[in-house]
């Protein structure tokens, strides 16, 4: 189960009440910063923009690929560890507006994580250190450290131990396991 806080609304759907939940000018500022970062080829500049203007926690040497879309309403609820790769066109959400409620949840992405292109990470999810998320995955629950996950719905394809066994003789990954 994802770790989100639920906020019920009355009358119109929760998105109709959006500026009661988040200030309009905050959304405008976040949108501009996110759009600048989505298109810049300079990884260090992206991280600086995210840390400085969006109040995100971003580890050293983390790489956000081209077109990554962060939560425009609550990016400060997203944290990413060091030396992680967020693949092309990935979406990371910290909110969801539903008919009768909206939900907010922190997203924690560990260190040395690889997230494949076109993945979507939902609010309230933790992705453990050293995990691999296959391209196109809908991350709707926590990912154990070191696991390889993929699909929609997301499933564990290999556990950390199964990956270590598969990579035991690999010249790159096998050395990391020792």
C-alpha atoms as a PDB file:
ATOM      1  CA  UNK A   1       0.000   0.000   0.000  1.00  0.00           C
ATOM      2  CA  UNK A   2       1.296   3.439  -0.892  1.00  0.00           C
ATOM      3  CA  UNK A   3       1.836   5.904   1.931  1.00  0.00           C
ATOM      4  CA  UNK A   4      -0.453   8.830   1.089  1.00  0.00           C
ATOM      5  CA  UNK A   5      -2.510  11.224   3.146  1.00  0.00           C
ATOM      6  CA  UNK A   6      -6.133  11.531   2.010  1.00  0.00           C
ATOM      7  CA  UNK A   7      -8.020  14.835   1.976  1.00  0.00           C
ATOM      8  CA  UNK A   8     -11.773  14.611   1.265  1.00  0.00           C
ATOM      9  CA  UNK A   9     -13.544  17.360  -0.712  1.00  0.00           C
ATOM     10  CA  UNK A  10     -17.200  18.263  -1.047  1.00  0.00           C
ATOM     11  CA  UNK A  11     -19.087  19.321  -4.150  1.00  0.00           C
ATOM     12  CA  UNK A  12     -17.049  19.408  -7.357  1.00  0.00           C
ATOM     13  CA  UNK A  13     -14.140  17.001  -7.912  1.00  0.00           C
ATOM     14  CA  UNK A  14     -10.879  17.671  -6.077  1.00  0.00           C
ATOM     15  CA  UNK A  15      -9.057  19.097  -9.101  1.00  0.00           C
ATOM     16  CA  UNK A  16     -11.736  21.772  -9.310  1.00  0.00           C
ATOM     17  CA  UNK A  17     -10.517  22.834  -5.830  1.00  0.00           C
ATOM     18  CA  UNK A  18      -6.835  22.803  -6.840  1.00  0.00           C
ATOM     19  CA  UNK A  19      -5.976  26.368  -5.805  1.00  0.00           C
ATOM     20  CA  UNK A  20      -7.428  25.751  -2.362  1.00  0.00           C
ATOM     21  CA  UNK A  21      -4.799  23.018  -1.968  1.00  0.00           C
ATOM     22  CA  UNK A  22      -1.759  24.701  -3.548  1.00  0.00           C
ATOM     23  CA  UNK A  23      -1.079  28.398  -4.291  1.00  0.00           C
ATOM     24  CA  UNK A  24      -1.496  29.455  -7.928  1.00  0.00           C
ATOM     25  CA  UNK A  25       1.848  31.308  -8.080  1.00  0.00           C
ATOM     26  CA  UNK A  26       3.681  28.300  -6.645  1.00  0.00           C
ATOM     27  CA  UNK A  27       2.324  26.183  -9.505  1.00  0.00           C
ATOM     28  CA  UNK A  28       3.316  28.837 -12.077  1.00  0.00           C
ATOM     29  CA  UNK A  29       6.876  29.050 -10.689  1.00  0.00           C
ATOM     30  CA  UNK A  30       7.214  25.250 -10.488  1.00  0.00           C
ATOM     31  CA  UNK A  31       5.901  24.839 -14.043  1.00  0.00           C
ATOM     32  CA  UNK A  32       8.459  27.289 -15.431  1.00  0.00           C
ATOM     33  CA  UNK A  33      11.360  25.697 -13.537  1.00  0.00           C
ATOM     34  CA  UNK A  34      10.332  22.166 -14.523  1.00  0.00           C
ATOM     35  CA  UNK A  35       9.943  23.101 -18.186  1.00  0.00           C
ATOM     36  CA  UNK A  36      13.380  24.775 -18.238  1.00  0.00           C
ATOM     37  CA  UNK A  37      14.937  21.708 -16.641  1.00  0.00           C
ATOM     38  CA  UNK A  38      13.131  19.262 -18.926  1.00  0.00           C
ATOM     39  CA  UNK A  39      14.880  20.705 -21.975  1.00  0.00           C
ATOM     40  CA  UNK A  40      18.304  21.669 -20.622  1.00  0.00           C
ATOM     41  CA  UNK A  41      21.125  19.280 -21.536  1.00  0.00           C
ATOM     42  CA  UNK A  42      23.167  20.324 -18.479  1.00  0.00           C
ATOM     43  CA  UNK A  43      22.672  17.756 -15.705  1.00  0.00           C
ATOM     44  CA  UNK A  44      24.285  19.865 -12.980  1.00  0.00           C
ATOM     45  CA  UNK A  45      22.024  22.788 -13.877  1.00  0.00           C
ATOM     46  CA  UNK A  46      18.928  20.593 -13.642  1.00  0.00           C
ATOM     47  CA  UNK A  47      19.902  19.450 -10.151  1.00  0.00           C
ATOM     48  CA  UNK A  48      20.623  23.039  -9.098  1.00  0.00           C
ATOM     49  CA  UNK A  49      17.222  24.191 -10.402  1.00  0.00           C
ATOM     50  CA  UNK A  50      15.454  21.359  -8.569  1.00  0.00           C
ATOM     51  CA  UNK A  51      17.290  21.974  -5.286  1.00  0.00           C
ATOM     52  CA  UNK A  52      17.126  25.769  -5.397  1.00  0.00           C
ATOM     53  CA  UNK A  53      13.655  26.527  -6.738  1.00  0.00           C
ATOM     54  CA  UNK A  54      11.662  23.351  -6.068  1.00  0.00           C
ATOM     55  CA  UNK A  55      13.183  22.482  -2.661  1.00  0.00           C
ATOM     56  CA  UNK A  56      13.815  18.899  -3.748  1.00  0.00           C
ATOM     57  CA  UNK A  57      16.477  16.712  -2.170  1.00  0.00           C
ATOM     58  CA  UNK A  58      18.718  15.535  -5.017  1.00  0.00           C
ATOM     59  CA  UNK A  59      21.912  13.565  -4.395  1.00  0.00           C
ATOM     60  CA  UNK A  60      25.272  14.251  -5.996  1.00  0.00           C
ATOM     61  CA  UNK A  61      25.839  12.951  -9.535  1.00  0.00           C
ATOM     62  CA  UNK A  62      22.171  12.076 -10.004  1.00  0.00           C
ATOM     63  CA  UNK A  63      21.062  12.371 -13.631  1.00  0.00           C
ATOM     64  CA  UNK A  64      17.590  13.396 -14.810  1.00  0.00           C
ATOM     65  CA  UNK A  65      17.303  12.597 -18.511  1.00  0.00           C
ATOM     66  CA  UNK A  66      15.619  14.811 -21.084  1.00  0.00           C
ATOM     67  CA  UNK A  67      11.867  15.370 -20.625  1.00  0.00           C
ATOM     68  CA  UNK A  68      11.540  14.043 -17.056  1.00  0.00           C
ATOM     69  CA  UNK A  69       8.271  15.463 -15.665  1.00  0.00           C
ATOM     70  CA  UNK A  70       8.225  16.168 -11.942  1.00  0.00           C
ATOM     71  CA  UNK A  71       5.135  16.835  -9.869  1.00  0.00           C
ATOM     72  CA  UNK A  72       4.259  20.468 -10.609  1.00  0.00           C
ATOM     73  CA  UNK A  73       2.178  20.941  -7.452  1.00  0.00           C
ATOM     74  CA  UNK A  74       4.362  19.362  -4.745  1.00  0.00           C
ATOM     75  CA  UNK A  75       7.909  18.699  -6.062  1.00  0.00           C
ATOM     76  CA  UNK A  76       9.322  19.292  -2.561  1.00  0.00           C
ATOM     77  CA  UNK A  77       7.852  15.893  -1.615  1.00  0.00           C
ATOM     78  CA  UNK A  78      10.294  14.143  -3.995  1.00  0.00           C
ATOM     79  CA  UNK A  79      13.772  13.042  -2.887  1.00  0.00           C
ATOM     80  CA  UNK A  80      16.386  11.236  -4.948  1.00  0.00           C
ATOM     81  CA  UNK A  81      19.626   9.716  -3.653  1.00  0.00           C
ATOM     82  CA  UNK A  82      23.090   9.995  -5.161  1.00  0.00           C
ATOM     83  CA  UNK A  83      24.287   8.611  -8.500  1.00  0.00           C
ATOM     84  CA  UNK A  84      20.777   7.691  -9.645  1.00  0.00           C
ATOM     85  CA  UNK A  85      19.544   7.779 -13.252  1.00  0.00           C
ATOM     86  CA  UNK A  86      15.968   8.883 -14.003  1.00  0.00           C
ATOM     87  CA  UNK A  87      15.211   7.842 -17.595  1.00  0.00           C
ATOM     88  CA  UNK A  88      13.798   9.841 -20.499  1.00  0.00           C
ATOM     89  CA  UNK A  89      10.198  11.059 -20.165  1.00  0.00           C
ATOM     90  CA  UNK A  90       9.681   9.572 -16.701  1.00  0.00           C
ATOM     91  CA  UNK A  91       6.886  11.115 -14.599  1.00  0.00           C
ATOM     92  CA  UNK A  92       7.208  11.397 -10.821  1.00  0.00           C
ATOM     93  CA  UNK A  93       4.010  12.333  -8.969  1.00  0.00           C
ATOM     94  CA  UNK A  94       3.557  13.349  -5.325  1.00  0.00           C
ATOM     95  CA  UNK A  95      -0.180  14.077  -5.627  1.00  0.00           C
ATOM     96  CA  UNK A  96      -3.309  12.629  -7.172  1.00  0.00           C
ATOM     97  CA  UNK A  97      -6.595  14.481  -7.557  1.00  0.00           C
ATOM     98  CA  UNK A  98      -9.609  12.160  -7.533  1.00  0.00           C
ATOM     99  CA  UNK A  99     -13.364  12.751  -7.570  1.00  0.00           C
ATOM    100  CA  UNK A 100     -14.098  12.885  -3.829  1.00  0.00           C
ATOM    101  CA  UNK A 101     -10.590  13.407  -2.439  1.00  0.00           C
ATOM    102  CA  UNK A 102      -7.026  14.296  -3.214  1.00  0.00           C
ATOM    103  CA  UNK A 103      -3.975  12.461  -1.917  1.00  0.00           C
ATOM    104  CA  UNK A 104      -0.433  13.566  -1.176  1.00  0.00           C
ATOM    105  CA  UNK A 105       2.537  11.294  -0.622  1.00  0.00           C
ATOM    106  CA  UNK A 106       6.300  11.567  -0.414  1.00  0.00           C
ATOM    107  CA  UNK A 107       8.355   9.830  -3.094  1.00  0.00           C
ATOM    108  CA  UNK A 108      11.737   8.504  -1.989  1.00  0.00           C
ATOM    109  CA  UNK A 109      14.108   7.225  -4.658  1.00  0.00           C
ATOM    110  CA  UNK A 110      17.297   5.728  -3.252  1.00  0.00           C
ATOM    111  CA  UNK A 111      20.926   5.924  -4.330  1.00  0.00           C
ATOM    112  CA  UNK A 112      22.340   4.044  -7.311  1.00  0.00           C
ATOM    113  CA  UNK A 113      18.828   3.489  -8.705  1.00  0.00           C
ATOM    114  CA  UNK A 114      18.162   3.049 -12.425  1.00  0.00           C
ATOM    115  CA  UNK A 115      14.706   4.099 -13.653  1.00  0.00           C
ATOM    116  CA  UNK A 116      14.006   3.253 -17.286  1.00  0.00           C
ATOM    117  CA  UNK A 117      12.443   5.611 -19.825  1.00  0.00           C
ATOM    118  CA  UNK A 118       8.711   6.357 -19.848  1.00  0.00           C
ATOM    119  CA  UNK A 119       8.110   5.092 -16.315  1.00  0.00           C
ATOM    120  CA  UNK A 120       5.525   6.624 -13.976  1.00  0.00           C
ATOM    121  CA  UNK A 121       6.094   6.785 -10.233  1.00  0.00           C
ATOM    122  CA  UNK A 122       2.973   7.331  -8.134  1.00  0.00           C
ATOM    123  CA  UNK A 123       2.800   9.235  -4.824  1.00  0.00           C
ATOM    124  CA  UNK A 124       3.701   7.533  -1.562  1.00  0.00           C
ATOM    125  CA  UNK A 125       6.272   5.159  -3.066  1.00  0.00           C
ATOM    126  CA  UNK A 126       9.803   4.306  -1.909  1.00  0.00           C
ATOM    127  CA  UNK A 127      12.321   2.840  -4.348  1.00  0.00           C
ATOM    128  CA  UNK A 128      15.180   1.223  -2.433  1.00  0.00           C
ATOM    129  CA  UNK A 129      18.904   1.720  -3.024  1.00  0.00           C
ATOM    130  CA  UNK A 130      20.328  -0.119  -6.014  1.00  0.00           C
ATOM    131  CA  UNK A 131      16.941  -0.965  -7.536  1.00  0.00           C
ATOM    132  CA  UNK A 132      16.268  -1.221 -11.268  1.00  0.00           C
ATOM    133  CA  UNK A 133      12.936  -0.105 -12.735  1.00  0.00           C
ATOM    134  CA  UNK A 134      12.351  -1.361 -16.274  1.00  0.00           C
ATOM    135  CA  UNK A 135      11.289   1.103 -18.985  1.00  0.00           C
ATOM    136  CA  UNK A 136       7.569   1.817 -19.138  1.00  0.00           C
ATOM    137  CA  UNK A 137       6.849   0.635 -15.589  1.00  0.00           C
ATOM    138  CA  UNK A 138       4.000   1.982 -13.465  1.00  0.00           C
ATOM    139  CA  UNK A 139       5.526   2.086  -9.971  1.00  0.00           C
ATOM    140  CA  UNK A 140       2.441   1.758  -7.779  1.00  0.00           C
ATOM    141  CA  UNK A 141       4.053   0.244  -4.682  1.00  0.00           C
ATOM    142  CA  UNK A 142       7.407   0.197  -2.905  1.00  0.00           C
ATOM    143  CA  UNK A 143      10.396  -1.342  -4.670  1.00  0.00           C
ATOM    144  CA  UNK A 144      12.783  -3.367  -2.471  1.00  0.00           C
ATOM    145  CA  UNK A 145      16.454  -2.355  -2.437  1.00  0.00           C
ATOM    146  CA  UNK A 146      18.424  -4.073  -5.191  1.00  0.00           C
ATOM    147  CA  UNK A 147      15.358  -5.552  -6.916  1.00  0.00           C
ATOM    148  CA  UNK A 148      14.649  -5.475 -10.643  1.00  0.00           C
ATOM    149  CA  UNK A 149      10.999  -4.577 -11.305  1.00  0.00           C
ATOM    150  CA  UNK A 150       8.925  -3.926 -14.391  1.00  0.00           C
ATOM    151  CA  UNK A 151       5.554  -3.937 -16.069  1.00  0.00           C
ATOM    152  CA  UNK A 152       2.071  -2.586 -15.613  1.00  0.00           C
ATOM    153  CA  UNK A 153       1.107  -3.604 -13.052  1.00  0.00           C
ATOM    154  CA  UNK A 154       4.636  -3.579 -11.672  1.00  0.00           C
ATOM    155  CA  UNK A 155       6.033  -6.921 -10.572  1.00  0.00           C
ATOM    156  CA  UNK A 156       9.347  -7.974  -9.051  1.00  0.00           C
ATOM    157  CA  UNK A 157      11.236  -9.689 -11.862  1.00  0.00           C
ATOM    158  CA  UNK A 158      14.404 -10.453  -9.864  1.00  0.00           C
ATOM    159  CA  UNK A 159      15.142  -9.986  -6.170  1.00  0.00           C
ATOM    160  CA  UNK A 160      18.491  -8.574  -5.073  1.00  0.00           C
ATOM    161  CA  UNK A 161      19.794 -12.107  -4.390  1.00  0.00           C
ATOM    162  CA  UNK A 162      18.573 -13.461  -7.753  1.00  0.00           C
ATOM    163  CA  UNK A 163      20.286 -10.561  -9.547  1.00  0.00           C
ATOM    164  CA  UNK A 164      23.529 -11.189  -7.666  1.00  0.00           C
ATOM    165  CA  UNK A 165      23.417 -14.825  -8.757  1.00  0.00           C
ATOM    166  CA  UNK A 166      22.707 -13.912 -12.396  1.00  0.00           C
ATOM    167  CA  UNK A 167      25.523 -11.372 -12.440  1.00  0.00           C
ATOM    168  CA  UNK A 168      28.113 -13.363 -10.515  1.00  0.00           C
ATOM    169  CA  UNK A 169      30.294 -13.836 -13.627  1.00  0.00           C
ATOM    170  CA  UNK A 170      29.569 -10.435 -15.213  1.00  0.00           C
ATOM    171  CA  UNK A 171      32.789  -8.389 -15.547  1.00  0.00           C
ATOM    172  CA  UNK A 172      31.030  -5.148 -14.494  1.00  0.00           C
ATOM    173  CA  UNK A 173      28.177  -6.060 -12.168  1.00  0.00           C
ATOM    174  CA  UNK A 174      29.798  -9.201 -10.766  1.00  0.00           C
ATOM    175  CA  UNK A 175      32.662  -7.136  -9.349  1.00  0.00           C
ATOM    176  CA  UNK A 176      30.182  -4.877  -7.561  1.00  0.00           C
ATOM    177  CA  UNK A 177      28.650  -7.855  -5.765  1.00  0.00           C
ATOM    178  CA  UNK A 178      32.000  -8.897  -4.184  1.00  0.00           C
END
